[in-house]
C-alpha atoms as a PDB file:
ATOM      1  CA  MET A   1       0.170  -0.040  -0.342  1.00  0.00           C
ATOM      2  CA  ARG A   2       1.116   3.408  -0.657  1.00  0.00           C
ATOM      3  CA  SER A   3       0.156   6.688   2.073  1.00  0.00           C
ATOM      4  CA  ILE A   4      -1.507   9.056   0.666  1.00  0.00           C
ATOM      5  CA  TRP A   5      -1.989  11.284   3.567  1.00  0.00           C
ATOM      6  CA  LYS A   6       0.742  12.151   6.449  1.00  0.00           C
ATOM      7  CA  GLY A   7      -0.301  14.052   9.799  1.00  0.00           C
ATOM      8  CA  ALA A   8      -0.437  13.677  13.461  1.00  0.00           C
ATOM      9  CA  VAL A   9      -3.734  12.691  15.690  1.00  0.00           C
ATOM     10  CA  THR A  10      -3.573  14.862  18.757  1.00  0.00           C
ATOM     11  CA  PHE A  11      -5.332  14.638  22.047  1.00  0.00           C
ATOM     12  CA  GLY A  12      -4.340  17.218  24.305  1.00  0.00           C
ATOM     13  CA  LEU A  13      -1.011  17.935  24.648  1.00  0.00           C
ATOM     14  CA  VAL A  14      -0.379  14.250  23.230  1.00  0.00           C
ATOM     15  CA  ASN A  15       0.814  13.924  19.537  1.00  0.00           C
ATOM     16  CA  VAL A  16       0.673  10.731  17.654  1.00  0.00           C
ATOM     17  CA  PRO A  17       2.239  10.650  14.726  1.00  0.00           C
ATOM     18  CA  ILE A  18       0.520   8.905  11.334  1.00  0.00           C
ATOM     19  CA  LYS A  19       0.500   7.972   7.642  1.00  0.00           C
ATOM     20  CA  VAL A  20      -2.907   7.435   6.012  1.00  0.00           C
ATOM     21  CA  TYR A  21      -3.372   5.074   4.010  1.00  0.00           C
ATOM     22  CA  SER A  22      -6.902   4.005   1.631  1.00  0.00           C
ATOM     23  CA  ALA A  23      -8.542   0.887   3.619  1.00  0.00           C
ATOM     24  CA  THR A  24     -10.680  -0.136   0.684  1.00  0.00           C
ATOM     25  CA  GLU A  25     -10.539  -1.059  -2.770  1.00  0.00           C
ATOM     26  CA  ASP A  26     -12.752  -1.140  -5.879  1.00  0.00           C
ATOM     27  CA  HIS A  27     -12.479  -4.644  -7.620  1.00  0.00           C
ATOM     28  CA  ASP A  28     -14.959  -4.135 -10.553  1.00  0.00           C
ATOM     29  CA  VAL A  29     -13.959  -4.551 -13.979  1.00  0.00           C
ATOM     30  CA  SER A  30     -12.874  -1.038 -15.085  1.00  0.00           C
ATOM     31  CA  LEU A  31     -14.733  -0.321 -18.973  1.00  0.00           C
ATOM     32  CA  HIS A  32     -15.086   1.805 -21.409  1.00  0.00           C
ATOM     33  CA  GLN A  33     -17.393   3.417 -23.803  1.00  0.00           C
ATOM     34  CA  VAL A  34     -17.146   2.427 -27.112  1.00  0.00           C
ATOM     35  CA  HIS A  35     -18.696   3.186 -30.244  1.00  0.00           C
ATOM     36  CA  HIS A  36     -20.714   0.148 -31.621  1.00  0.00           C
ATOM     37  CA  LYS A  37     -20.174   0.503 -35.424  1.00  0.00           C
ATOM     38  CA  ASP A  38     -15.964   0.522 -35.113  1.00  0.00           C
ATOM     39  CA  GLY A  39     -14.676   0.241 -31.436  1.00  0.00           C
ATOM     40  CA  GLY A  40     -13.443   3.336 -31.107  1.00  0.00           C
ATOM     41  CA  ARG A  41     -13.170   4.953 -27.894  1.00  0.00           C
ATOM     42  CA  ILE A  42     -15.643   7.746 -26.652  1.00  0.00           C
ATOM     43  CA  ARG A  43     -14.020  10.073 -25.103  1.00  0.00           C
ATOM     44  CA  TYR A  44     -15.431  13.098 -22.907  1.00  0.00           C
ATOM     45  CA  GLN A  45     -13.479  16.445 -23.155  1.00  0.00           C
ATOM     46  CA  ARG A  46     -13.780  19.788 -20.868  1.00  0.00           C
ATOM     47  CA  THR A  47     -14.927  23.055 -23.338  1.00  0.00           C
ATOM     48  CA  CYS A  48     -14.879  26.628 -22.406  1.00  0.00           C
ATOM     49  CA  GLU A  49     -18.743  27.427 -23.323  1.00  0.00           C
ATOM     50  CA  ILE A  50     -17.260  31.088 -24.231  1.00  0.00           C
ATOM     51  CA  CYS A  51     -14.248  30.419 -26.385  1.00  0.00           C
ATOM     52  CA  GLY A  52     -15.121  26.659 -26.996  1.00  0.00           C
ATOM     53  CA  GLU A  53     -11.553  25.859 -26.549  1.00  0.00           C
ATOM     54  CA  VAL A  54     -10.910  22.605 -25.071  1.00  0.00           C
ATOM     55  CA  VAL A  55      -9.456  22.956 -21.493  1.00  0.00           C
ATOM     56  CA  ALA A  56      -6.710  20.869 -19.752  1.00  0.00           C
ATOM     57  CA  TYR A  57      -7.947  20.184 -15.936  1.00  0.00           C
ATOM     58  CA  SER A  58      -4.407  22.197 -14.880  1.00  0.00           C
ATOM     59  CA  ASP A  59      -6.124  25.318 -16.293  1.00  0.00           C
ATOM     60  CA  ILE A  60      -9.592  24.637 -14.338  1.00  0.00           C
ATOM     61  CA  ASP A  61     -10.744  26.881 -11.951  1.00  0.00           C
ATOM     62  CA  ARG A  62     -13.592  26.281  -9.325  1.00  0.00           C
ATOM     63  CA  ALA A  63     -16.284  28.733  -9.071  1.00  0.00           C
ATOM     64  CA  TYR A  64     -19.635  29.857  -7.064  1.00  0.00           C
ATOM     65  CA  ASP A  65     -22.516  31.332  -8.227  1.00  0.00           C
ATOM     66  CA  ASP A  66     -25.483  32.559  -6.293  1.00  0.00           C
ATOM     67  CA  GLY A  67     -27.752  33.408  -9.493  1.00  0.00           C
ATOM     68  CA  GLU A  68     -26.816  37.001 -10.693  1.00  0.00           C
ATOM     69  CA  ARG A  69     -23.130  36.511  -9.518  1.00  0.00           C
ATOM     70  CA  THR A  70     -20.177  34.411 -10.155  1.00  0.00           C
ATOM     71  CA  VAL A  71     -17.262  33.923  -8.087  1.00  0.00           C
ATOM     72  CA  VAL A  72     -13.855  32.787  -9.442  1.00  0.00           C
ATOM     73  CA  LEU A  73     -11.641  30.417  -6.614  1.00  0.00           C
ATOM     74  CA  THR A  74      -8.029  29.945  -8.036  1.00  0.00           C
ATOM     75  CA  LYS A  75      -5.851  27.221  -6.816  1.00  0.00           C
ATOM     76  CA  ASP A  76      -4.347  29.301  -4.405  1.00  0.00           C
ATOM     77  CA  ASP A  77      -6.933  30.981  -2.664  1.00  0.00           C
ATOM     78  CA  LEU A  78      -8.696  27.223  -1.859  1.00  0.00           C
ATOM     79  CA  ALA A  79      -4.873  26.754  -0.661  1.00  0.00           C
ATOM     80  CA  SER A  80      -4.677  29.751   1.285  1.00  0.00           C
ATOM     81  CA  LEU A  81      -7.827  28.507   3.200  1.00  0.00           C
ATOM     82  CA  PRO A  82      -6.173  27.822   7.299  1.00  0.00           C
ATOM     83  CA  SER A  83      -8.161  24.495   7.234  1.00  0.00           C
ATOM     84  CA  GLU A  84      -6.818  23.044   4.298  1.00  0.00           C
ATOM     85  CA  LYS A  85      -2.915  23.818   5.533  1.00  0.00           C
ATOM     86  CA  SER A  86      -3.259  22.135   8.649  1.00  0.00           C
ATOM     87  CA  ARG A  87      -2.354  18.479   9.435  1.00  0.00           C
ATOM     88  CA  GLU A  88      -3.565  17.562  12.046  1.00  0.00           C
ATOM     89  CA  ILE A  89      -6.496  15.034  13.143  1.00  0.00           C
ATOM     90  CA  THR A  90      -7.776  16.801  16.031  1.00  0.00           C
ATOM     91  CA  VAL A  91      -9.916  14.604  18.714  1.00  0.00           C
ATOM     92  CA  VAL A  92     -13.065  16.386  19.669  1.00  0.00           C
ATOM     93  CA  GLU A  93     -14.146  13.471  22.310  1.00  0.00           C
ATOM     94  CA  PHE A  94     -14.685  10.272  23.144  1.00  0.00           C
ATOM     95  CA  VAL A  95     -18.048   8.780  22.910  1.00  0.00           C
ATOM     96  CA  PRO A  96     -19.280   5.291  23.647  1.00  0.00           C
ATOM     97  CA  SER A  97     -18.743   3.068  20.555  1.00  0.00           C
ATOM     98  CA  ASP A  98     -22.600   1.953  20.216  1.00  0.00           C
ATOM     99  CA  GLN A  99     -23.108   5.789  20.255  1.00  0.00           C
ATOM    100  CA  VAL A 100     -21.908   5.803  16.223  1.00  0.00           C
ATOM    101  CA  ASP A 101     -24.626   5.204  13.949  1.00  0.00           C
ATOM    102  CA  PRO A 102     -23.367   2.633  11.083  1.00  0.00           C
ATOM    103  CA  ILE A 103     -25.442   4.907   8.496  1.00  0.00           C
ATOM    104  CA  THR A 104     -22.736   7.955   8.901  1.00  0.00           C
ATOM    105  CA  PHE A 105     -20.161   5.384   8.271  1.00  0.00           C
ATOM    106  CA  ASP A 106     -18.332   6.552   4.950  1.00  0.00           C
ATOM    107  CA  LYS A 107     -14.611   6.088   3.170  1.00  0.00           C
ATOM    108  CA  ALA A 108     -12.215   4.109   5.697  1.00  0.00           C
ATOM    109  CA  TYR A 109      -8.375   4.155   5.953  1.00  0.00           C
ATOM    110  CA  TYR A 110      -5.667   3.175   8.077  1.00  0.00           C
ATOM    111  CA  LEU A 111      -3.187   4.946  10.194  1.00  0.00           C
ATOM    112  CA  GLU A 112       0.447   3.407  10.709  1.00  0.00           C
ATOM    113  CA  PRO A 113       2.760   4.901  13.246  1.00  0.00           C
ATOM    114  CA  ASP A 114       5.060   7.460  11.282  1.00  0.00           C
ATOM    115  CA  SER A 115       7.531   8.253  14.245  1.00  0.00           C
ATOM    116  CA  THR A 116      10.807   6.117  15.612  1.00  0.00           C
ATOM    117  CA  SER A 117       8.710   4.751  18.467  1.00  0.00           C
ATOM    118  CA  PRO A 118       5.072   3.560  18.339  1.00  0.00           C
ATOM    119  CA  LYS A 119       4.552   3.885  21.686  1.00  0.00           C
ATOM    120  CA  ALA A 120       2.042   6.849  21.694  1.00  0.00           C
ATOM    121  CA  TYR A 121      -0.229   5.373  19.169  1.00  0.00           C
ATOM    122  CA  VAL A 122      -0.355   1.901  21.164  1.00  0.00           C
ATOM    123  CA  LEU A 123      -1.307   3.754  23.707  1.00  0.00           C
ATOM    124  CA  LEU A 124      -3.884   5.362  22.029  1.00  0.00           C
ATOM    125  CA  ARG A 125      -5.448   2.183  20.533  1.00  0.00           C
ATOM    126  CA  GLN A 126      -5.170   0.341  23.770  1.00  0.00           C
ATOM    127  CA  THR A 127      -7.091   2.931  25.613  1.00  0.00           C
ATOM    128  CA  LEU A 128      -9.650   3.050  22.856  1.00  0.00           C
ATOM    129  CA  GLU A 129      -9.949  -0.718  23.481  1.00  0.00           C
ATOM    130  CA  GLN A 130     -10.027  -0.764  27.004  1.00  0.00           C
ATOM    131  CA  THR A 131     -12.687   2.299  27.621  1.00  0.00           C
ATOM    132  CA  ASP A 132     -15.074   0.800  24.860  1.00  0.00           C
ATOM    133  CA  ARG A 133     -14.575   4.424  23.031  1.00  0.00           C
ATOM    134  CA  THR A 134     -14.639   5.754  19.993  1.00  0.00           C
ATOM    135  CA  ALA A 135     -13.178   8.880  19.110  1.00  0.00           C
ATOM    136  CA  ILE A 136     -14.585  11.674  17.528  1.00  0.00           C
ATOM    137  CA  VAL A 137     -12.375  13.424  15.227  1.00  0.00           C
ATOM    138  CA  GLN A 138     -12.044  16.534  12.855  1.00  0.00           C
ATOM    139  CA  PHE A 139      -9.699  17.483  10.201  1.00  0.00           C
ATOM    140  CA  SER A 140      -9.469  18.583   6.282  1.00  0.00           C
ATOM    141  CA  LEU A 141      -8.368  16.652   3.405  1.00  0.00           C
ATOM    142  CA  ARG A 142      -8.973  17.583  -0.371  1.00  0.00           C
ATOM    143  CA  GLN A 143     -10.202  21.057   0.398  1.00  0.00           C
ATOM    144  CA  LYS A 144     -12.987  19.671   2.458  1.00  0.00           C
ATOM    145  CA  THR A 145     -13.138  19.774   6.816  1.00  0.00           C
ATOM    146  CA  ARG A 146     -14.136  16.070   7.294  1.00  0.00           C
ATOM    147  CA  LEU A 147     -15.350  14.349  10.692  1.00  0.00           C
ATOM    148  CA  ALA A 148     -14.750  11.103  11.456  1.00  0.00           C
ATOM    149  CA  ALA A 149     -14.356   8.356  13.795  1.00  0.00           C
ATOM    150  CA  LEU A 150     -11.236   6.797  15.193  1.00  0.00           C
ATOM    151  CA  ARG A 151     -11.847   3.240  16.242  1.00  0.00           C
ATOM    152  CA  VAL A 152      -9.863   0.079  16.471  1.00  0.00           C
ATOM    153  CA  ARG A 153      -9.440  -2.788  13.702  1.00  0.00           C
ATOM    154  CA  GLY A 154      -7.243  -5.758  15.207  1.00  0.00           C
ATOM    155  CA  GLU A 155      -3.631  -3.882  16.204  1.00  0.00           C
ATOM    156  CA  VAL A 156      -4.090  -1.332  13.640  1.00  0.00           C
ATOM    157  CA  LEU A 157      -6.144   2.242  14.007  1.00  0.00           C
ATOM    158  CA  VAL A 158      -8.573   2.587  11.563  1.00  0.00           C
ATOM    159  CA  LEU A 159      -9.834   6.672  10.470  1.00  0.00           C
ATOM    160  CA  GLN A 160     -13.950   6.245   9.306  1.00  0.00           C
ATOM    161  CA  THR A 161     -15.207   9.275   7.681  1.00  0.00           C
ATOM    162  CA  LEU A 162     -18.404   9.994   8.562  1.00  0.00           C
ATOM    163  CA  LEU A 163     -21.112  12.218   6.969  1.00  0.00           C
ATOM    164  CA  TRP A 164     -22.433  15.375   8.533  1.00  0.00           C
ATOM    165  CA  ALA A 165     -25.835  15.446  10.312  1.00  0.00           C
ATOM    166  CA  ASP A 166     -27.245  17.178   7.461  1.00  0.00           C
ATOM    167  CA  GLU A 167     -26.421  14.561   5.185  1.00  0.00           C
ATOM    168  CA  VAL A 168     -28.111  12.046   6.158  1.00  0.00           C
ATOM    169  CA  ARG A 169     -31.805  12.167   4.886  1.00  0.00           C
ATOM    170  CA  GLU A 170     -34.719  11.553   7.306  1.00  0.00           C
ATOM    171  CA  ALA A 171     -36.918   8.615   6.456  1.00  0.00           C
ATOM    172  CA  ALA A 172     -40.615   9.391   6.609  1.00  0.00           C
ATOM    173  CA  PHE A 173     -42.947   6.972   5.527  1.00  0.00           C
ATOM    174  CA  PRO A 174     -46.918   7.577   5.525  1.00  0.00           C
ATOM    175  CA  SER A 175     -47.665   3.819   5.361  1.00  0.00           C
ATOM    176  CA  LEU A 176     -45.594   3.230   8.362  1.00  0.00           C
ATOM    177  CA  ASP A 177     -47.680   5.555  10.406  1.00  0.00           C
ATOM    178  CA  GLU A 178     -50.737   3.020  10.114  1.00  0.00           C
ATOM    179  CA  SER A 179     -51.384   1.029  12.744  1.00  0.00           C
ATOM    180  CA  VAL A 180     -50.157  -2.757  11.934  1.00  0.00           C
ATOM    181  CA  LYS A 181     -51.179  -5.411  14.448  1.00  0.00           C
ATOM    182  CA  ILE A 182     -48.960  -8.918  14.399  1.00  0.00           C
ATOM    183  CA  SER A 183     -50.575 -11.676  16.042  1.00  0.00           C
ATOM    184  CA  ASP A 184     -48.102 -14.135  18.672  1.00  0.00           C
ATOM    185  CA  LYS A 185     -48.145 -17.075  16.060  1.00  0.00           C
ATOM    186  CA  GLU A 186     -46.544 -14.334  13.227  1.00  0.00           C
ATOM    187  CA  MET A 187     -43.948 -13.516  15.681  1.00  0.00           C
ATOM    188  CA  GLN A 188     -43.094 -17.859  16.790  1.00  0.00           C
ATOM    189  CA  LEU A 189     -43.142 -18.047  12.745  1.00  0.00           C
ATOM    190  CA  SER A 190     -40.541 -14.949  12.049  1.00  0.00           C
ATOM    191  CA  ALA A 191     -38.725 -15.709  14.784  1.00  0.00           C
ATOM    192  CA  ALA A 192     -38.088 -19.498  13.843  1.00  0.00           C
ATOM    193  CA  LEU A 193     -37.239 -18.258  10.323  1.00  0.00           C
ATOM    194  CA  VAL A 194     -34.493 -16.413  11.806  1.00  0.00           C
ATOM    195  CA  ASP A 195     -33.232 -18.961  13.512  1.00  0.00           C
ATOM    196  CA  SER A 196     -33.079 -21.256  10.532  1.00  0.00           C
ATOM    197  CA  PHE A 197     -30.517 -18.456   8.542  1.00  0.00           C
ATOM    198  CA  SER A 198     -28.715 -17.766  12.057  1.00  0.00           C
ATOM    199  CA  ALA A 199     -24.602 -17.926  11.727  1.00  0.00           C
ATOM    200  CA  ASP A 200     -21.647 -16.168  11.868  1.00  0.00           C
ATOM    201  CA  PHE A 201     -20.815 -13.624   9.811  1.00  0.00           C
ATOM    202  CA  ASP A 202     -17.824 -14.077   7.052  1.00  0.00           C
ATOM    203  CA  PRO A 203     -17.522 -11.296   4.575  1.00  0.00           C
ATOM    204  CA  ALA A 204     -14.709 -14.198   3.097  1.00  0.00           C
ATOM    205  CA  ALA A 205     -17.889 -16.339   2.240  1.00  0.00           C
ATOM    206  CA  PHE A 206     -19.933 -14.392  -0.681  1.00  0.00           C
ATOM    207  CA  ARG A 207     -18.543 -13.705  -4.100  1.00  0.00           C
ATOM    208  CA  ASP A 208     -19.636 -10.952  -6.050  1.00  0.00           C
ATOM    209  CA  ASP A 209     -21.370 -13.112  -8.881  1.00  0.00           C
ATOM    210  CA  TYR A 210     -21.780 -10.492 -11.732  1.00  0.00           C
ATOM    211  CA  GLN A 211     -18.369  -9.059 -11.240  1.00  0.00           C
ATOM    212  CA  GLU A 212     -17.106 -13.036 -11.817  1.00  0.00           C
ATOM    213  CA  GLU A 213     -19.343 -13.709 -14.444  1.00  0.00           C
ATOM    214  CA  LEU A 214     -17.822 -10.326 -16.529  1.00  0.00           C
ATOM    215  CA  ARG A 215     -14.523 -11.599 -16.246  1.00  0.00           C
ATOM    216  CA  THR A 216     -15.073 -14.821 -17.395  1.00  0.00           C
ATOM    217  CA  LEU A 217     -17.098 -13.499 -20.472  1.00  0.00           C
ATOM    218  CA  ILE A 218     -14.001 -11.054 -21.383  1.00  0.00           C
ATOM    219  CA  ASP A 219     -12.253 -14.060 -20.881  1.00  0.00           C
ATOM    220  CA  ALA A 220     -14.391 -16.094 -23.691  1.00  0.00           C
ATOM    221  CA  LYS A 221     -14.014 -13.430 -26.233  1.00  0.00           C
ATOM    222  CA  LEU A 222     -10.207 -12.855 -25.548  1.00  0.00           C
ATOM    223  CA  GLU A 223      -9.996 -16.795 -26.266  1.00  0.00           C
ATOM    224  CA  LYS A 224     -11.916 -16.473 -29.730  1.00  0.00           C
ATOM    225  CA  GLY A 225     -10.375 -13.515 -30.928  1.00  0.00           C
ATOM    226  CA  GLU A 226     -13.157 -11.422 -30.416  1.00  0.00           C
ATOM    227  CA  SER A 227     -10.495  -8.322 -29.220  1.00  0.00           C
ATOM    228  CA  LEU A 228      -9.493  -5.169 -30.800  1.00  0.00           C
ATOM    229  CA  ASP A 229      -5.850  -3.599 -30.688  1.00  0.00           C
ATOM    230  CA  THR A 230      -6.217  -1.823 -27.785  1.00  0.00           C
ATOM    231  CA  ALA A 231      -3.150   1.149 -28.653  1.00  0.00           C
ATOM    232  CA  GLU A 232      -5.699   1.659 -31.985  1.00  0.00           C
ATOM    233  CA  THR A 233      -8.490   1.425 -30.189  1.00  0.00           C
ATOM    234  CA  PHE A 234      -7.706   3.550 -26.935  1.00  0.00           C
ATOM    235  CA  GLY A 235      -4.857   5.232 -28.020  1.00  0.00           C
ATOM    236  CA  GLU A 236      -1.803   5.222 -25.374  1.00  0.00           C
ATOM    237  CA  SER A 237      -2.397   5.696 -21.662  1.00  0.00           C
ATOM    238  CA  ASP A 238      -1.516   8.439 -19.505  1.00  0.00           C
ATOM    239  CA  ALA A 239       1.111   7.950 -18.013  1.00  0.00           C
ATOM    240  CA  GLU A 240       6.160  15.017   3.386  1.00  0.00           C
ATOM    241  CA  GLU A 241       7.904  14.838   6.200  1.00  0.00           C
ATOM    242  CA  SER A 242       7.207  12.949   9.495  1.00  0.00           C
ATOM    243  CA  SER A 243       5.788  15.091  12.342  1.00  0.00           C
ATOM    244  CA  GLY A 244       7.676  15.451  15.587  1.00  0.00           C
ATOM    245  CA  GLU A 245       7.419  12.717  18.159  1.00  0.00           C
ATOM    246  CA  VAL A 246       6.238  13.522  21.929  1.00  0.00           C
ATOM    247  CA  ILE A 247       9.091  14.340  24.409  1.00  0.00           C
ATOM    248  CA  ASP A 248       7.562  13.104  27.444  1.00  0.00           C
ATOM    249  CA  LEU A 249       4.136  11.041  26.920  1.00  0.00           C
ATOM    250  CA  MET A 250       3.531  11.238  30.790  1.00  0.00           C
ATOM    251  CA  GLU A 251       3.623  14.736  31.071  1.00  0.00           C
ATOM    252  CA  ALA A 252       1.754  15.276  27.568  1.00  0.00           C
ATOM    253  CA  LEU A 253      -1.104  13.158  29.284  1.00  0.00           C
ATOM    254  CA  ARG A 254      -0.742  14.600  32.761  1.00  0.00           C
ATOM    255  CA  ALA A 255      -0.936  18.088  31.404  1.00  0.00           C
ATOM    256  CA  SER A 256      -3.659  17.570  28.785  1.00  0.00           C
ATOM    257  CA  VAL A 257      -6.224  15.928  31.785  1.00  0.00           C
ATOM    258  CA  GLU A 258      -5.570  19.053  34.477  1.00  0.00           C
ATOM    259  CA  ARG A 259      -6.235  21.513  31.566  1.00  0.00           C
ATOM    260  CA  SER A 260      -9.193  19.560  31.109  1.00  0.00           C
ATOM    261  CA  ARG A 261     -10.556  19.269  34.499  1.00  0.00           C
ATOM    262  CA  ALA A 262      -9.451  23.407  34.585  1.00  0.00           C
ATOM    263  CA  ALA A 263     -11.707  24.064  31.449  1.00  0.00           C
ATOM    264  CA  LYS A 264     -14.979  22.042  33.248  1.00  0.00           C
ATOM    265  CA  GLY A 265     -14.326  24.266  36.682  1.00  0.00           C
ATOM    266  CA  ASP A 266     -13.887  27.702  35.319  1.00  0.00           C
ATOM    267  CA  ASP A 267     -15.562  27.800  32.385  1.00  0.00           C
ATOM    268  CA  GLY A 268     -18.812  25.440  33.366  1.00  0.00           C
ATOM    269  CA  GLU A 269     -18.221  23.173  30.121  1.00  0.00           C
ATOM    270  CA  SER A 270     -16.349  20.785  29.014  1.00  0.00           C
ATOM    271  CA  ALA A 271     -13.652  20.690  26.311  1.00  0.00           C
ATOM    272  CA  ALA A 272     -15.438  18.881  23.766  1.00  0.00           C
ATOM    273  CA  SER A 273     -18.698  20.935  24.766  1.00  0.00           C
ATOM    274  CA  ALA A 274     -16.219  24.141  22.720  1.00  0.00           C
ATOM    275  CA  SER A 275     -15.335  22.180  20.529  1.00  0.00           C
ATOM    276  CA  LYS A 276     -18.735  21.159  18.942  1.00  0.00           C
ATOM    277  CA  LYS A 277     -19.590  24.547  18.794  1.00  0.00           C
ATOM    278  CA  LYS A 278     -16.887  25.737  16.042  1.00  0.00           C
ATOM    279  CA  PRO A 279     -18.234  24.372  13.097  1.00  0.00           C
ATOM    280  CA  ALA A 280     -21.247  25.759  14.277  1.00  0.00           C
ATOM    281  CA  ALA A 281     -19.503  29.354  14.537  1.00  0.00           C
ATOM    282  CA  LYS A 282     -18.003  28.955  11.312  1.00  0.00           C
ATOM    283  CA  LYS A 283     -20.963  28.609   9.780  1.00  0.00           C
ATOM    284  CA  LYS A 284     -21.974  31.837  10.788  1.00  0.00           C
ATOM    285  CA  ALA A 285     -18.890  33.483  10.078  1.00  0.00           C
ATOM    286  CA  ASP A 286     -18.805  32.048   6.448  1.00  0.00           C
ATOM    287  CA  ALA A 287     -22.379  33.204   6.088  1.00  0.00           C
ATOM    288  CA  LYS A 288     -21.833  36.652   7.079  1.00  0.00           C
ATOM    289  CA  ALA A 289     -19.132  36.880   5.231  1.00  0.00           C
ATOM    290  CA  SER A 290     -21.196  35.814   1.559  1.00  0.00           C
END
């Protein structure tokens, strides 16, 4: 695997240098669109609506249109945003693992310790295991602020990005408002059916039948000579520094606990509660600026 990002997980004054790897990959067969008549490759081009020229991806900027005016945002504009420059995965709070709704789970990443000593990494992993807690974190990746769950999978820390609350739709179906009566007999039969299908889940026991059949079809066509020259049909193919180590882990832990307790005593609220308010405050500032 190849790391896609380097940074550090921070909670309190504790700093855990890490490398980030994509934890999943797509196994689907890659298919192209071709002209049915002669097998020629169908390509999409980015053209400018004003001059009609084909525009290279490197020459494309982003823009926001409010219906009356358009604001162009260059790559330099986006790179200048403070959150985009940050390489920290900041722990906002530690929550009971069963409180994180699986419907909010998105992309998963493996975290590898990126330092001479993995002690801080192992400490965080074991703490999450023993307390049965999941760390809710925030960070920036690819010009987006992300919310994520930091959890344990075997010996590795997994960063699982989460959908924001307003990205999960509410399910309101009128048909479920009707009163439905379930008899004891129906419930018993349903439970018996569930029991007959009961098993321990083993992901490796399941196969993607469609992709296997598709590969078989492609192999069969190749064996029969039903293929085209790839170069003629498709054309030629287009061809960070580690974070610093925590000097005194125990001292950092002790200072972080004392600071958290002091914040609760002085302000009447936890540091986690204060952190929750940051996104809302940021939204108000953005709305005011626009």
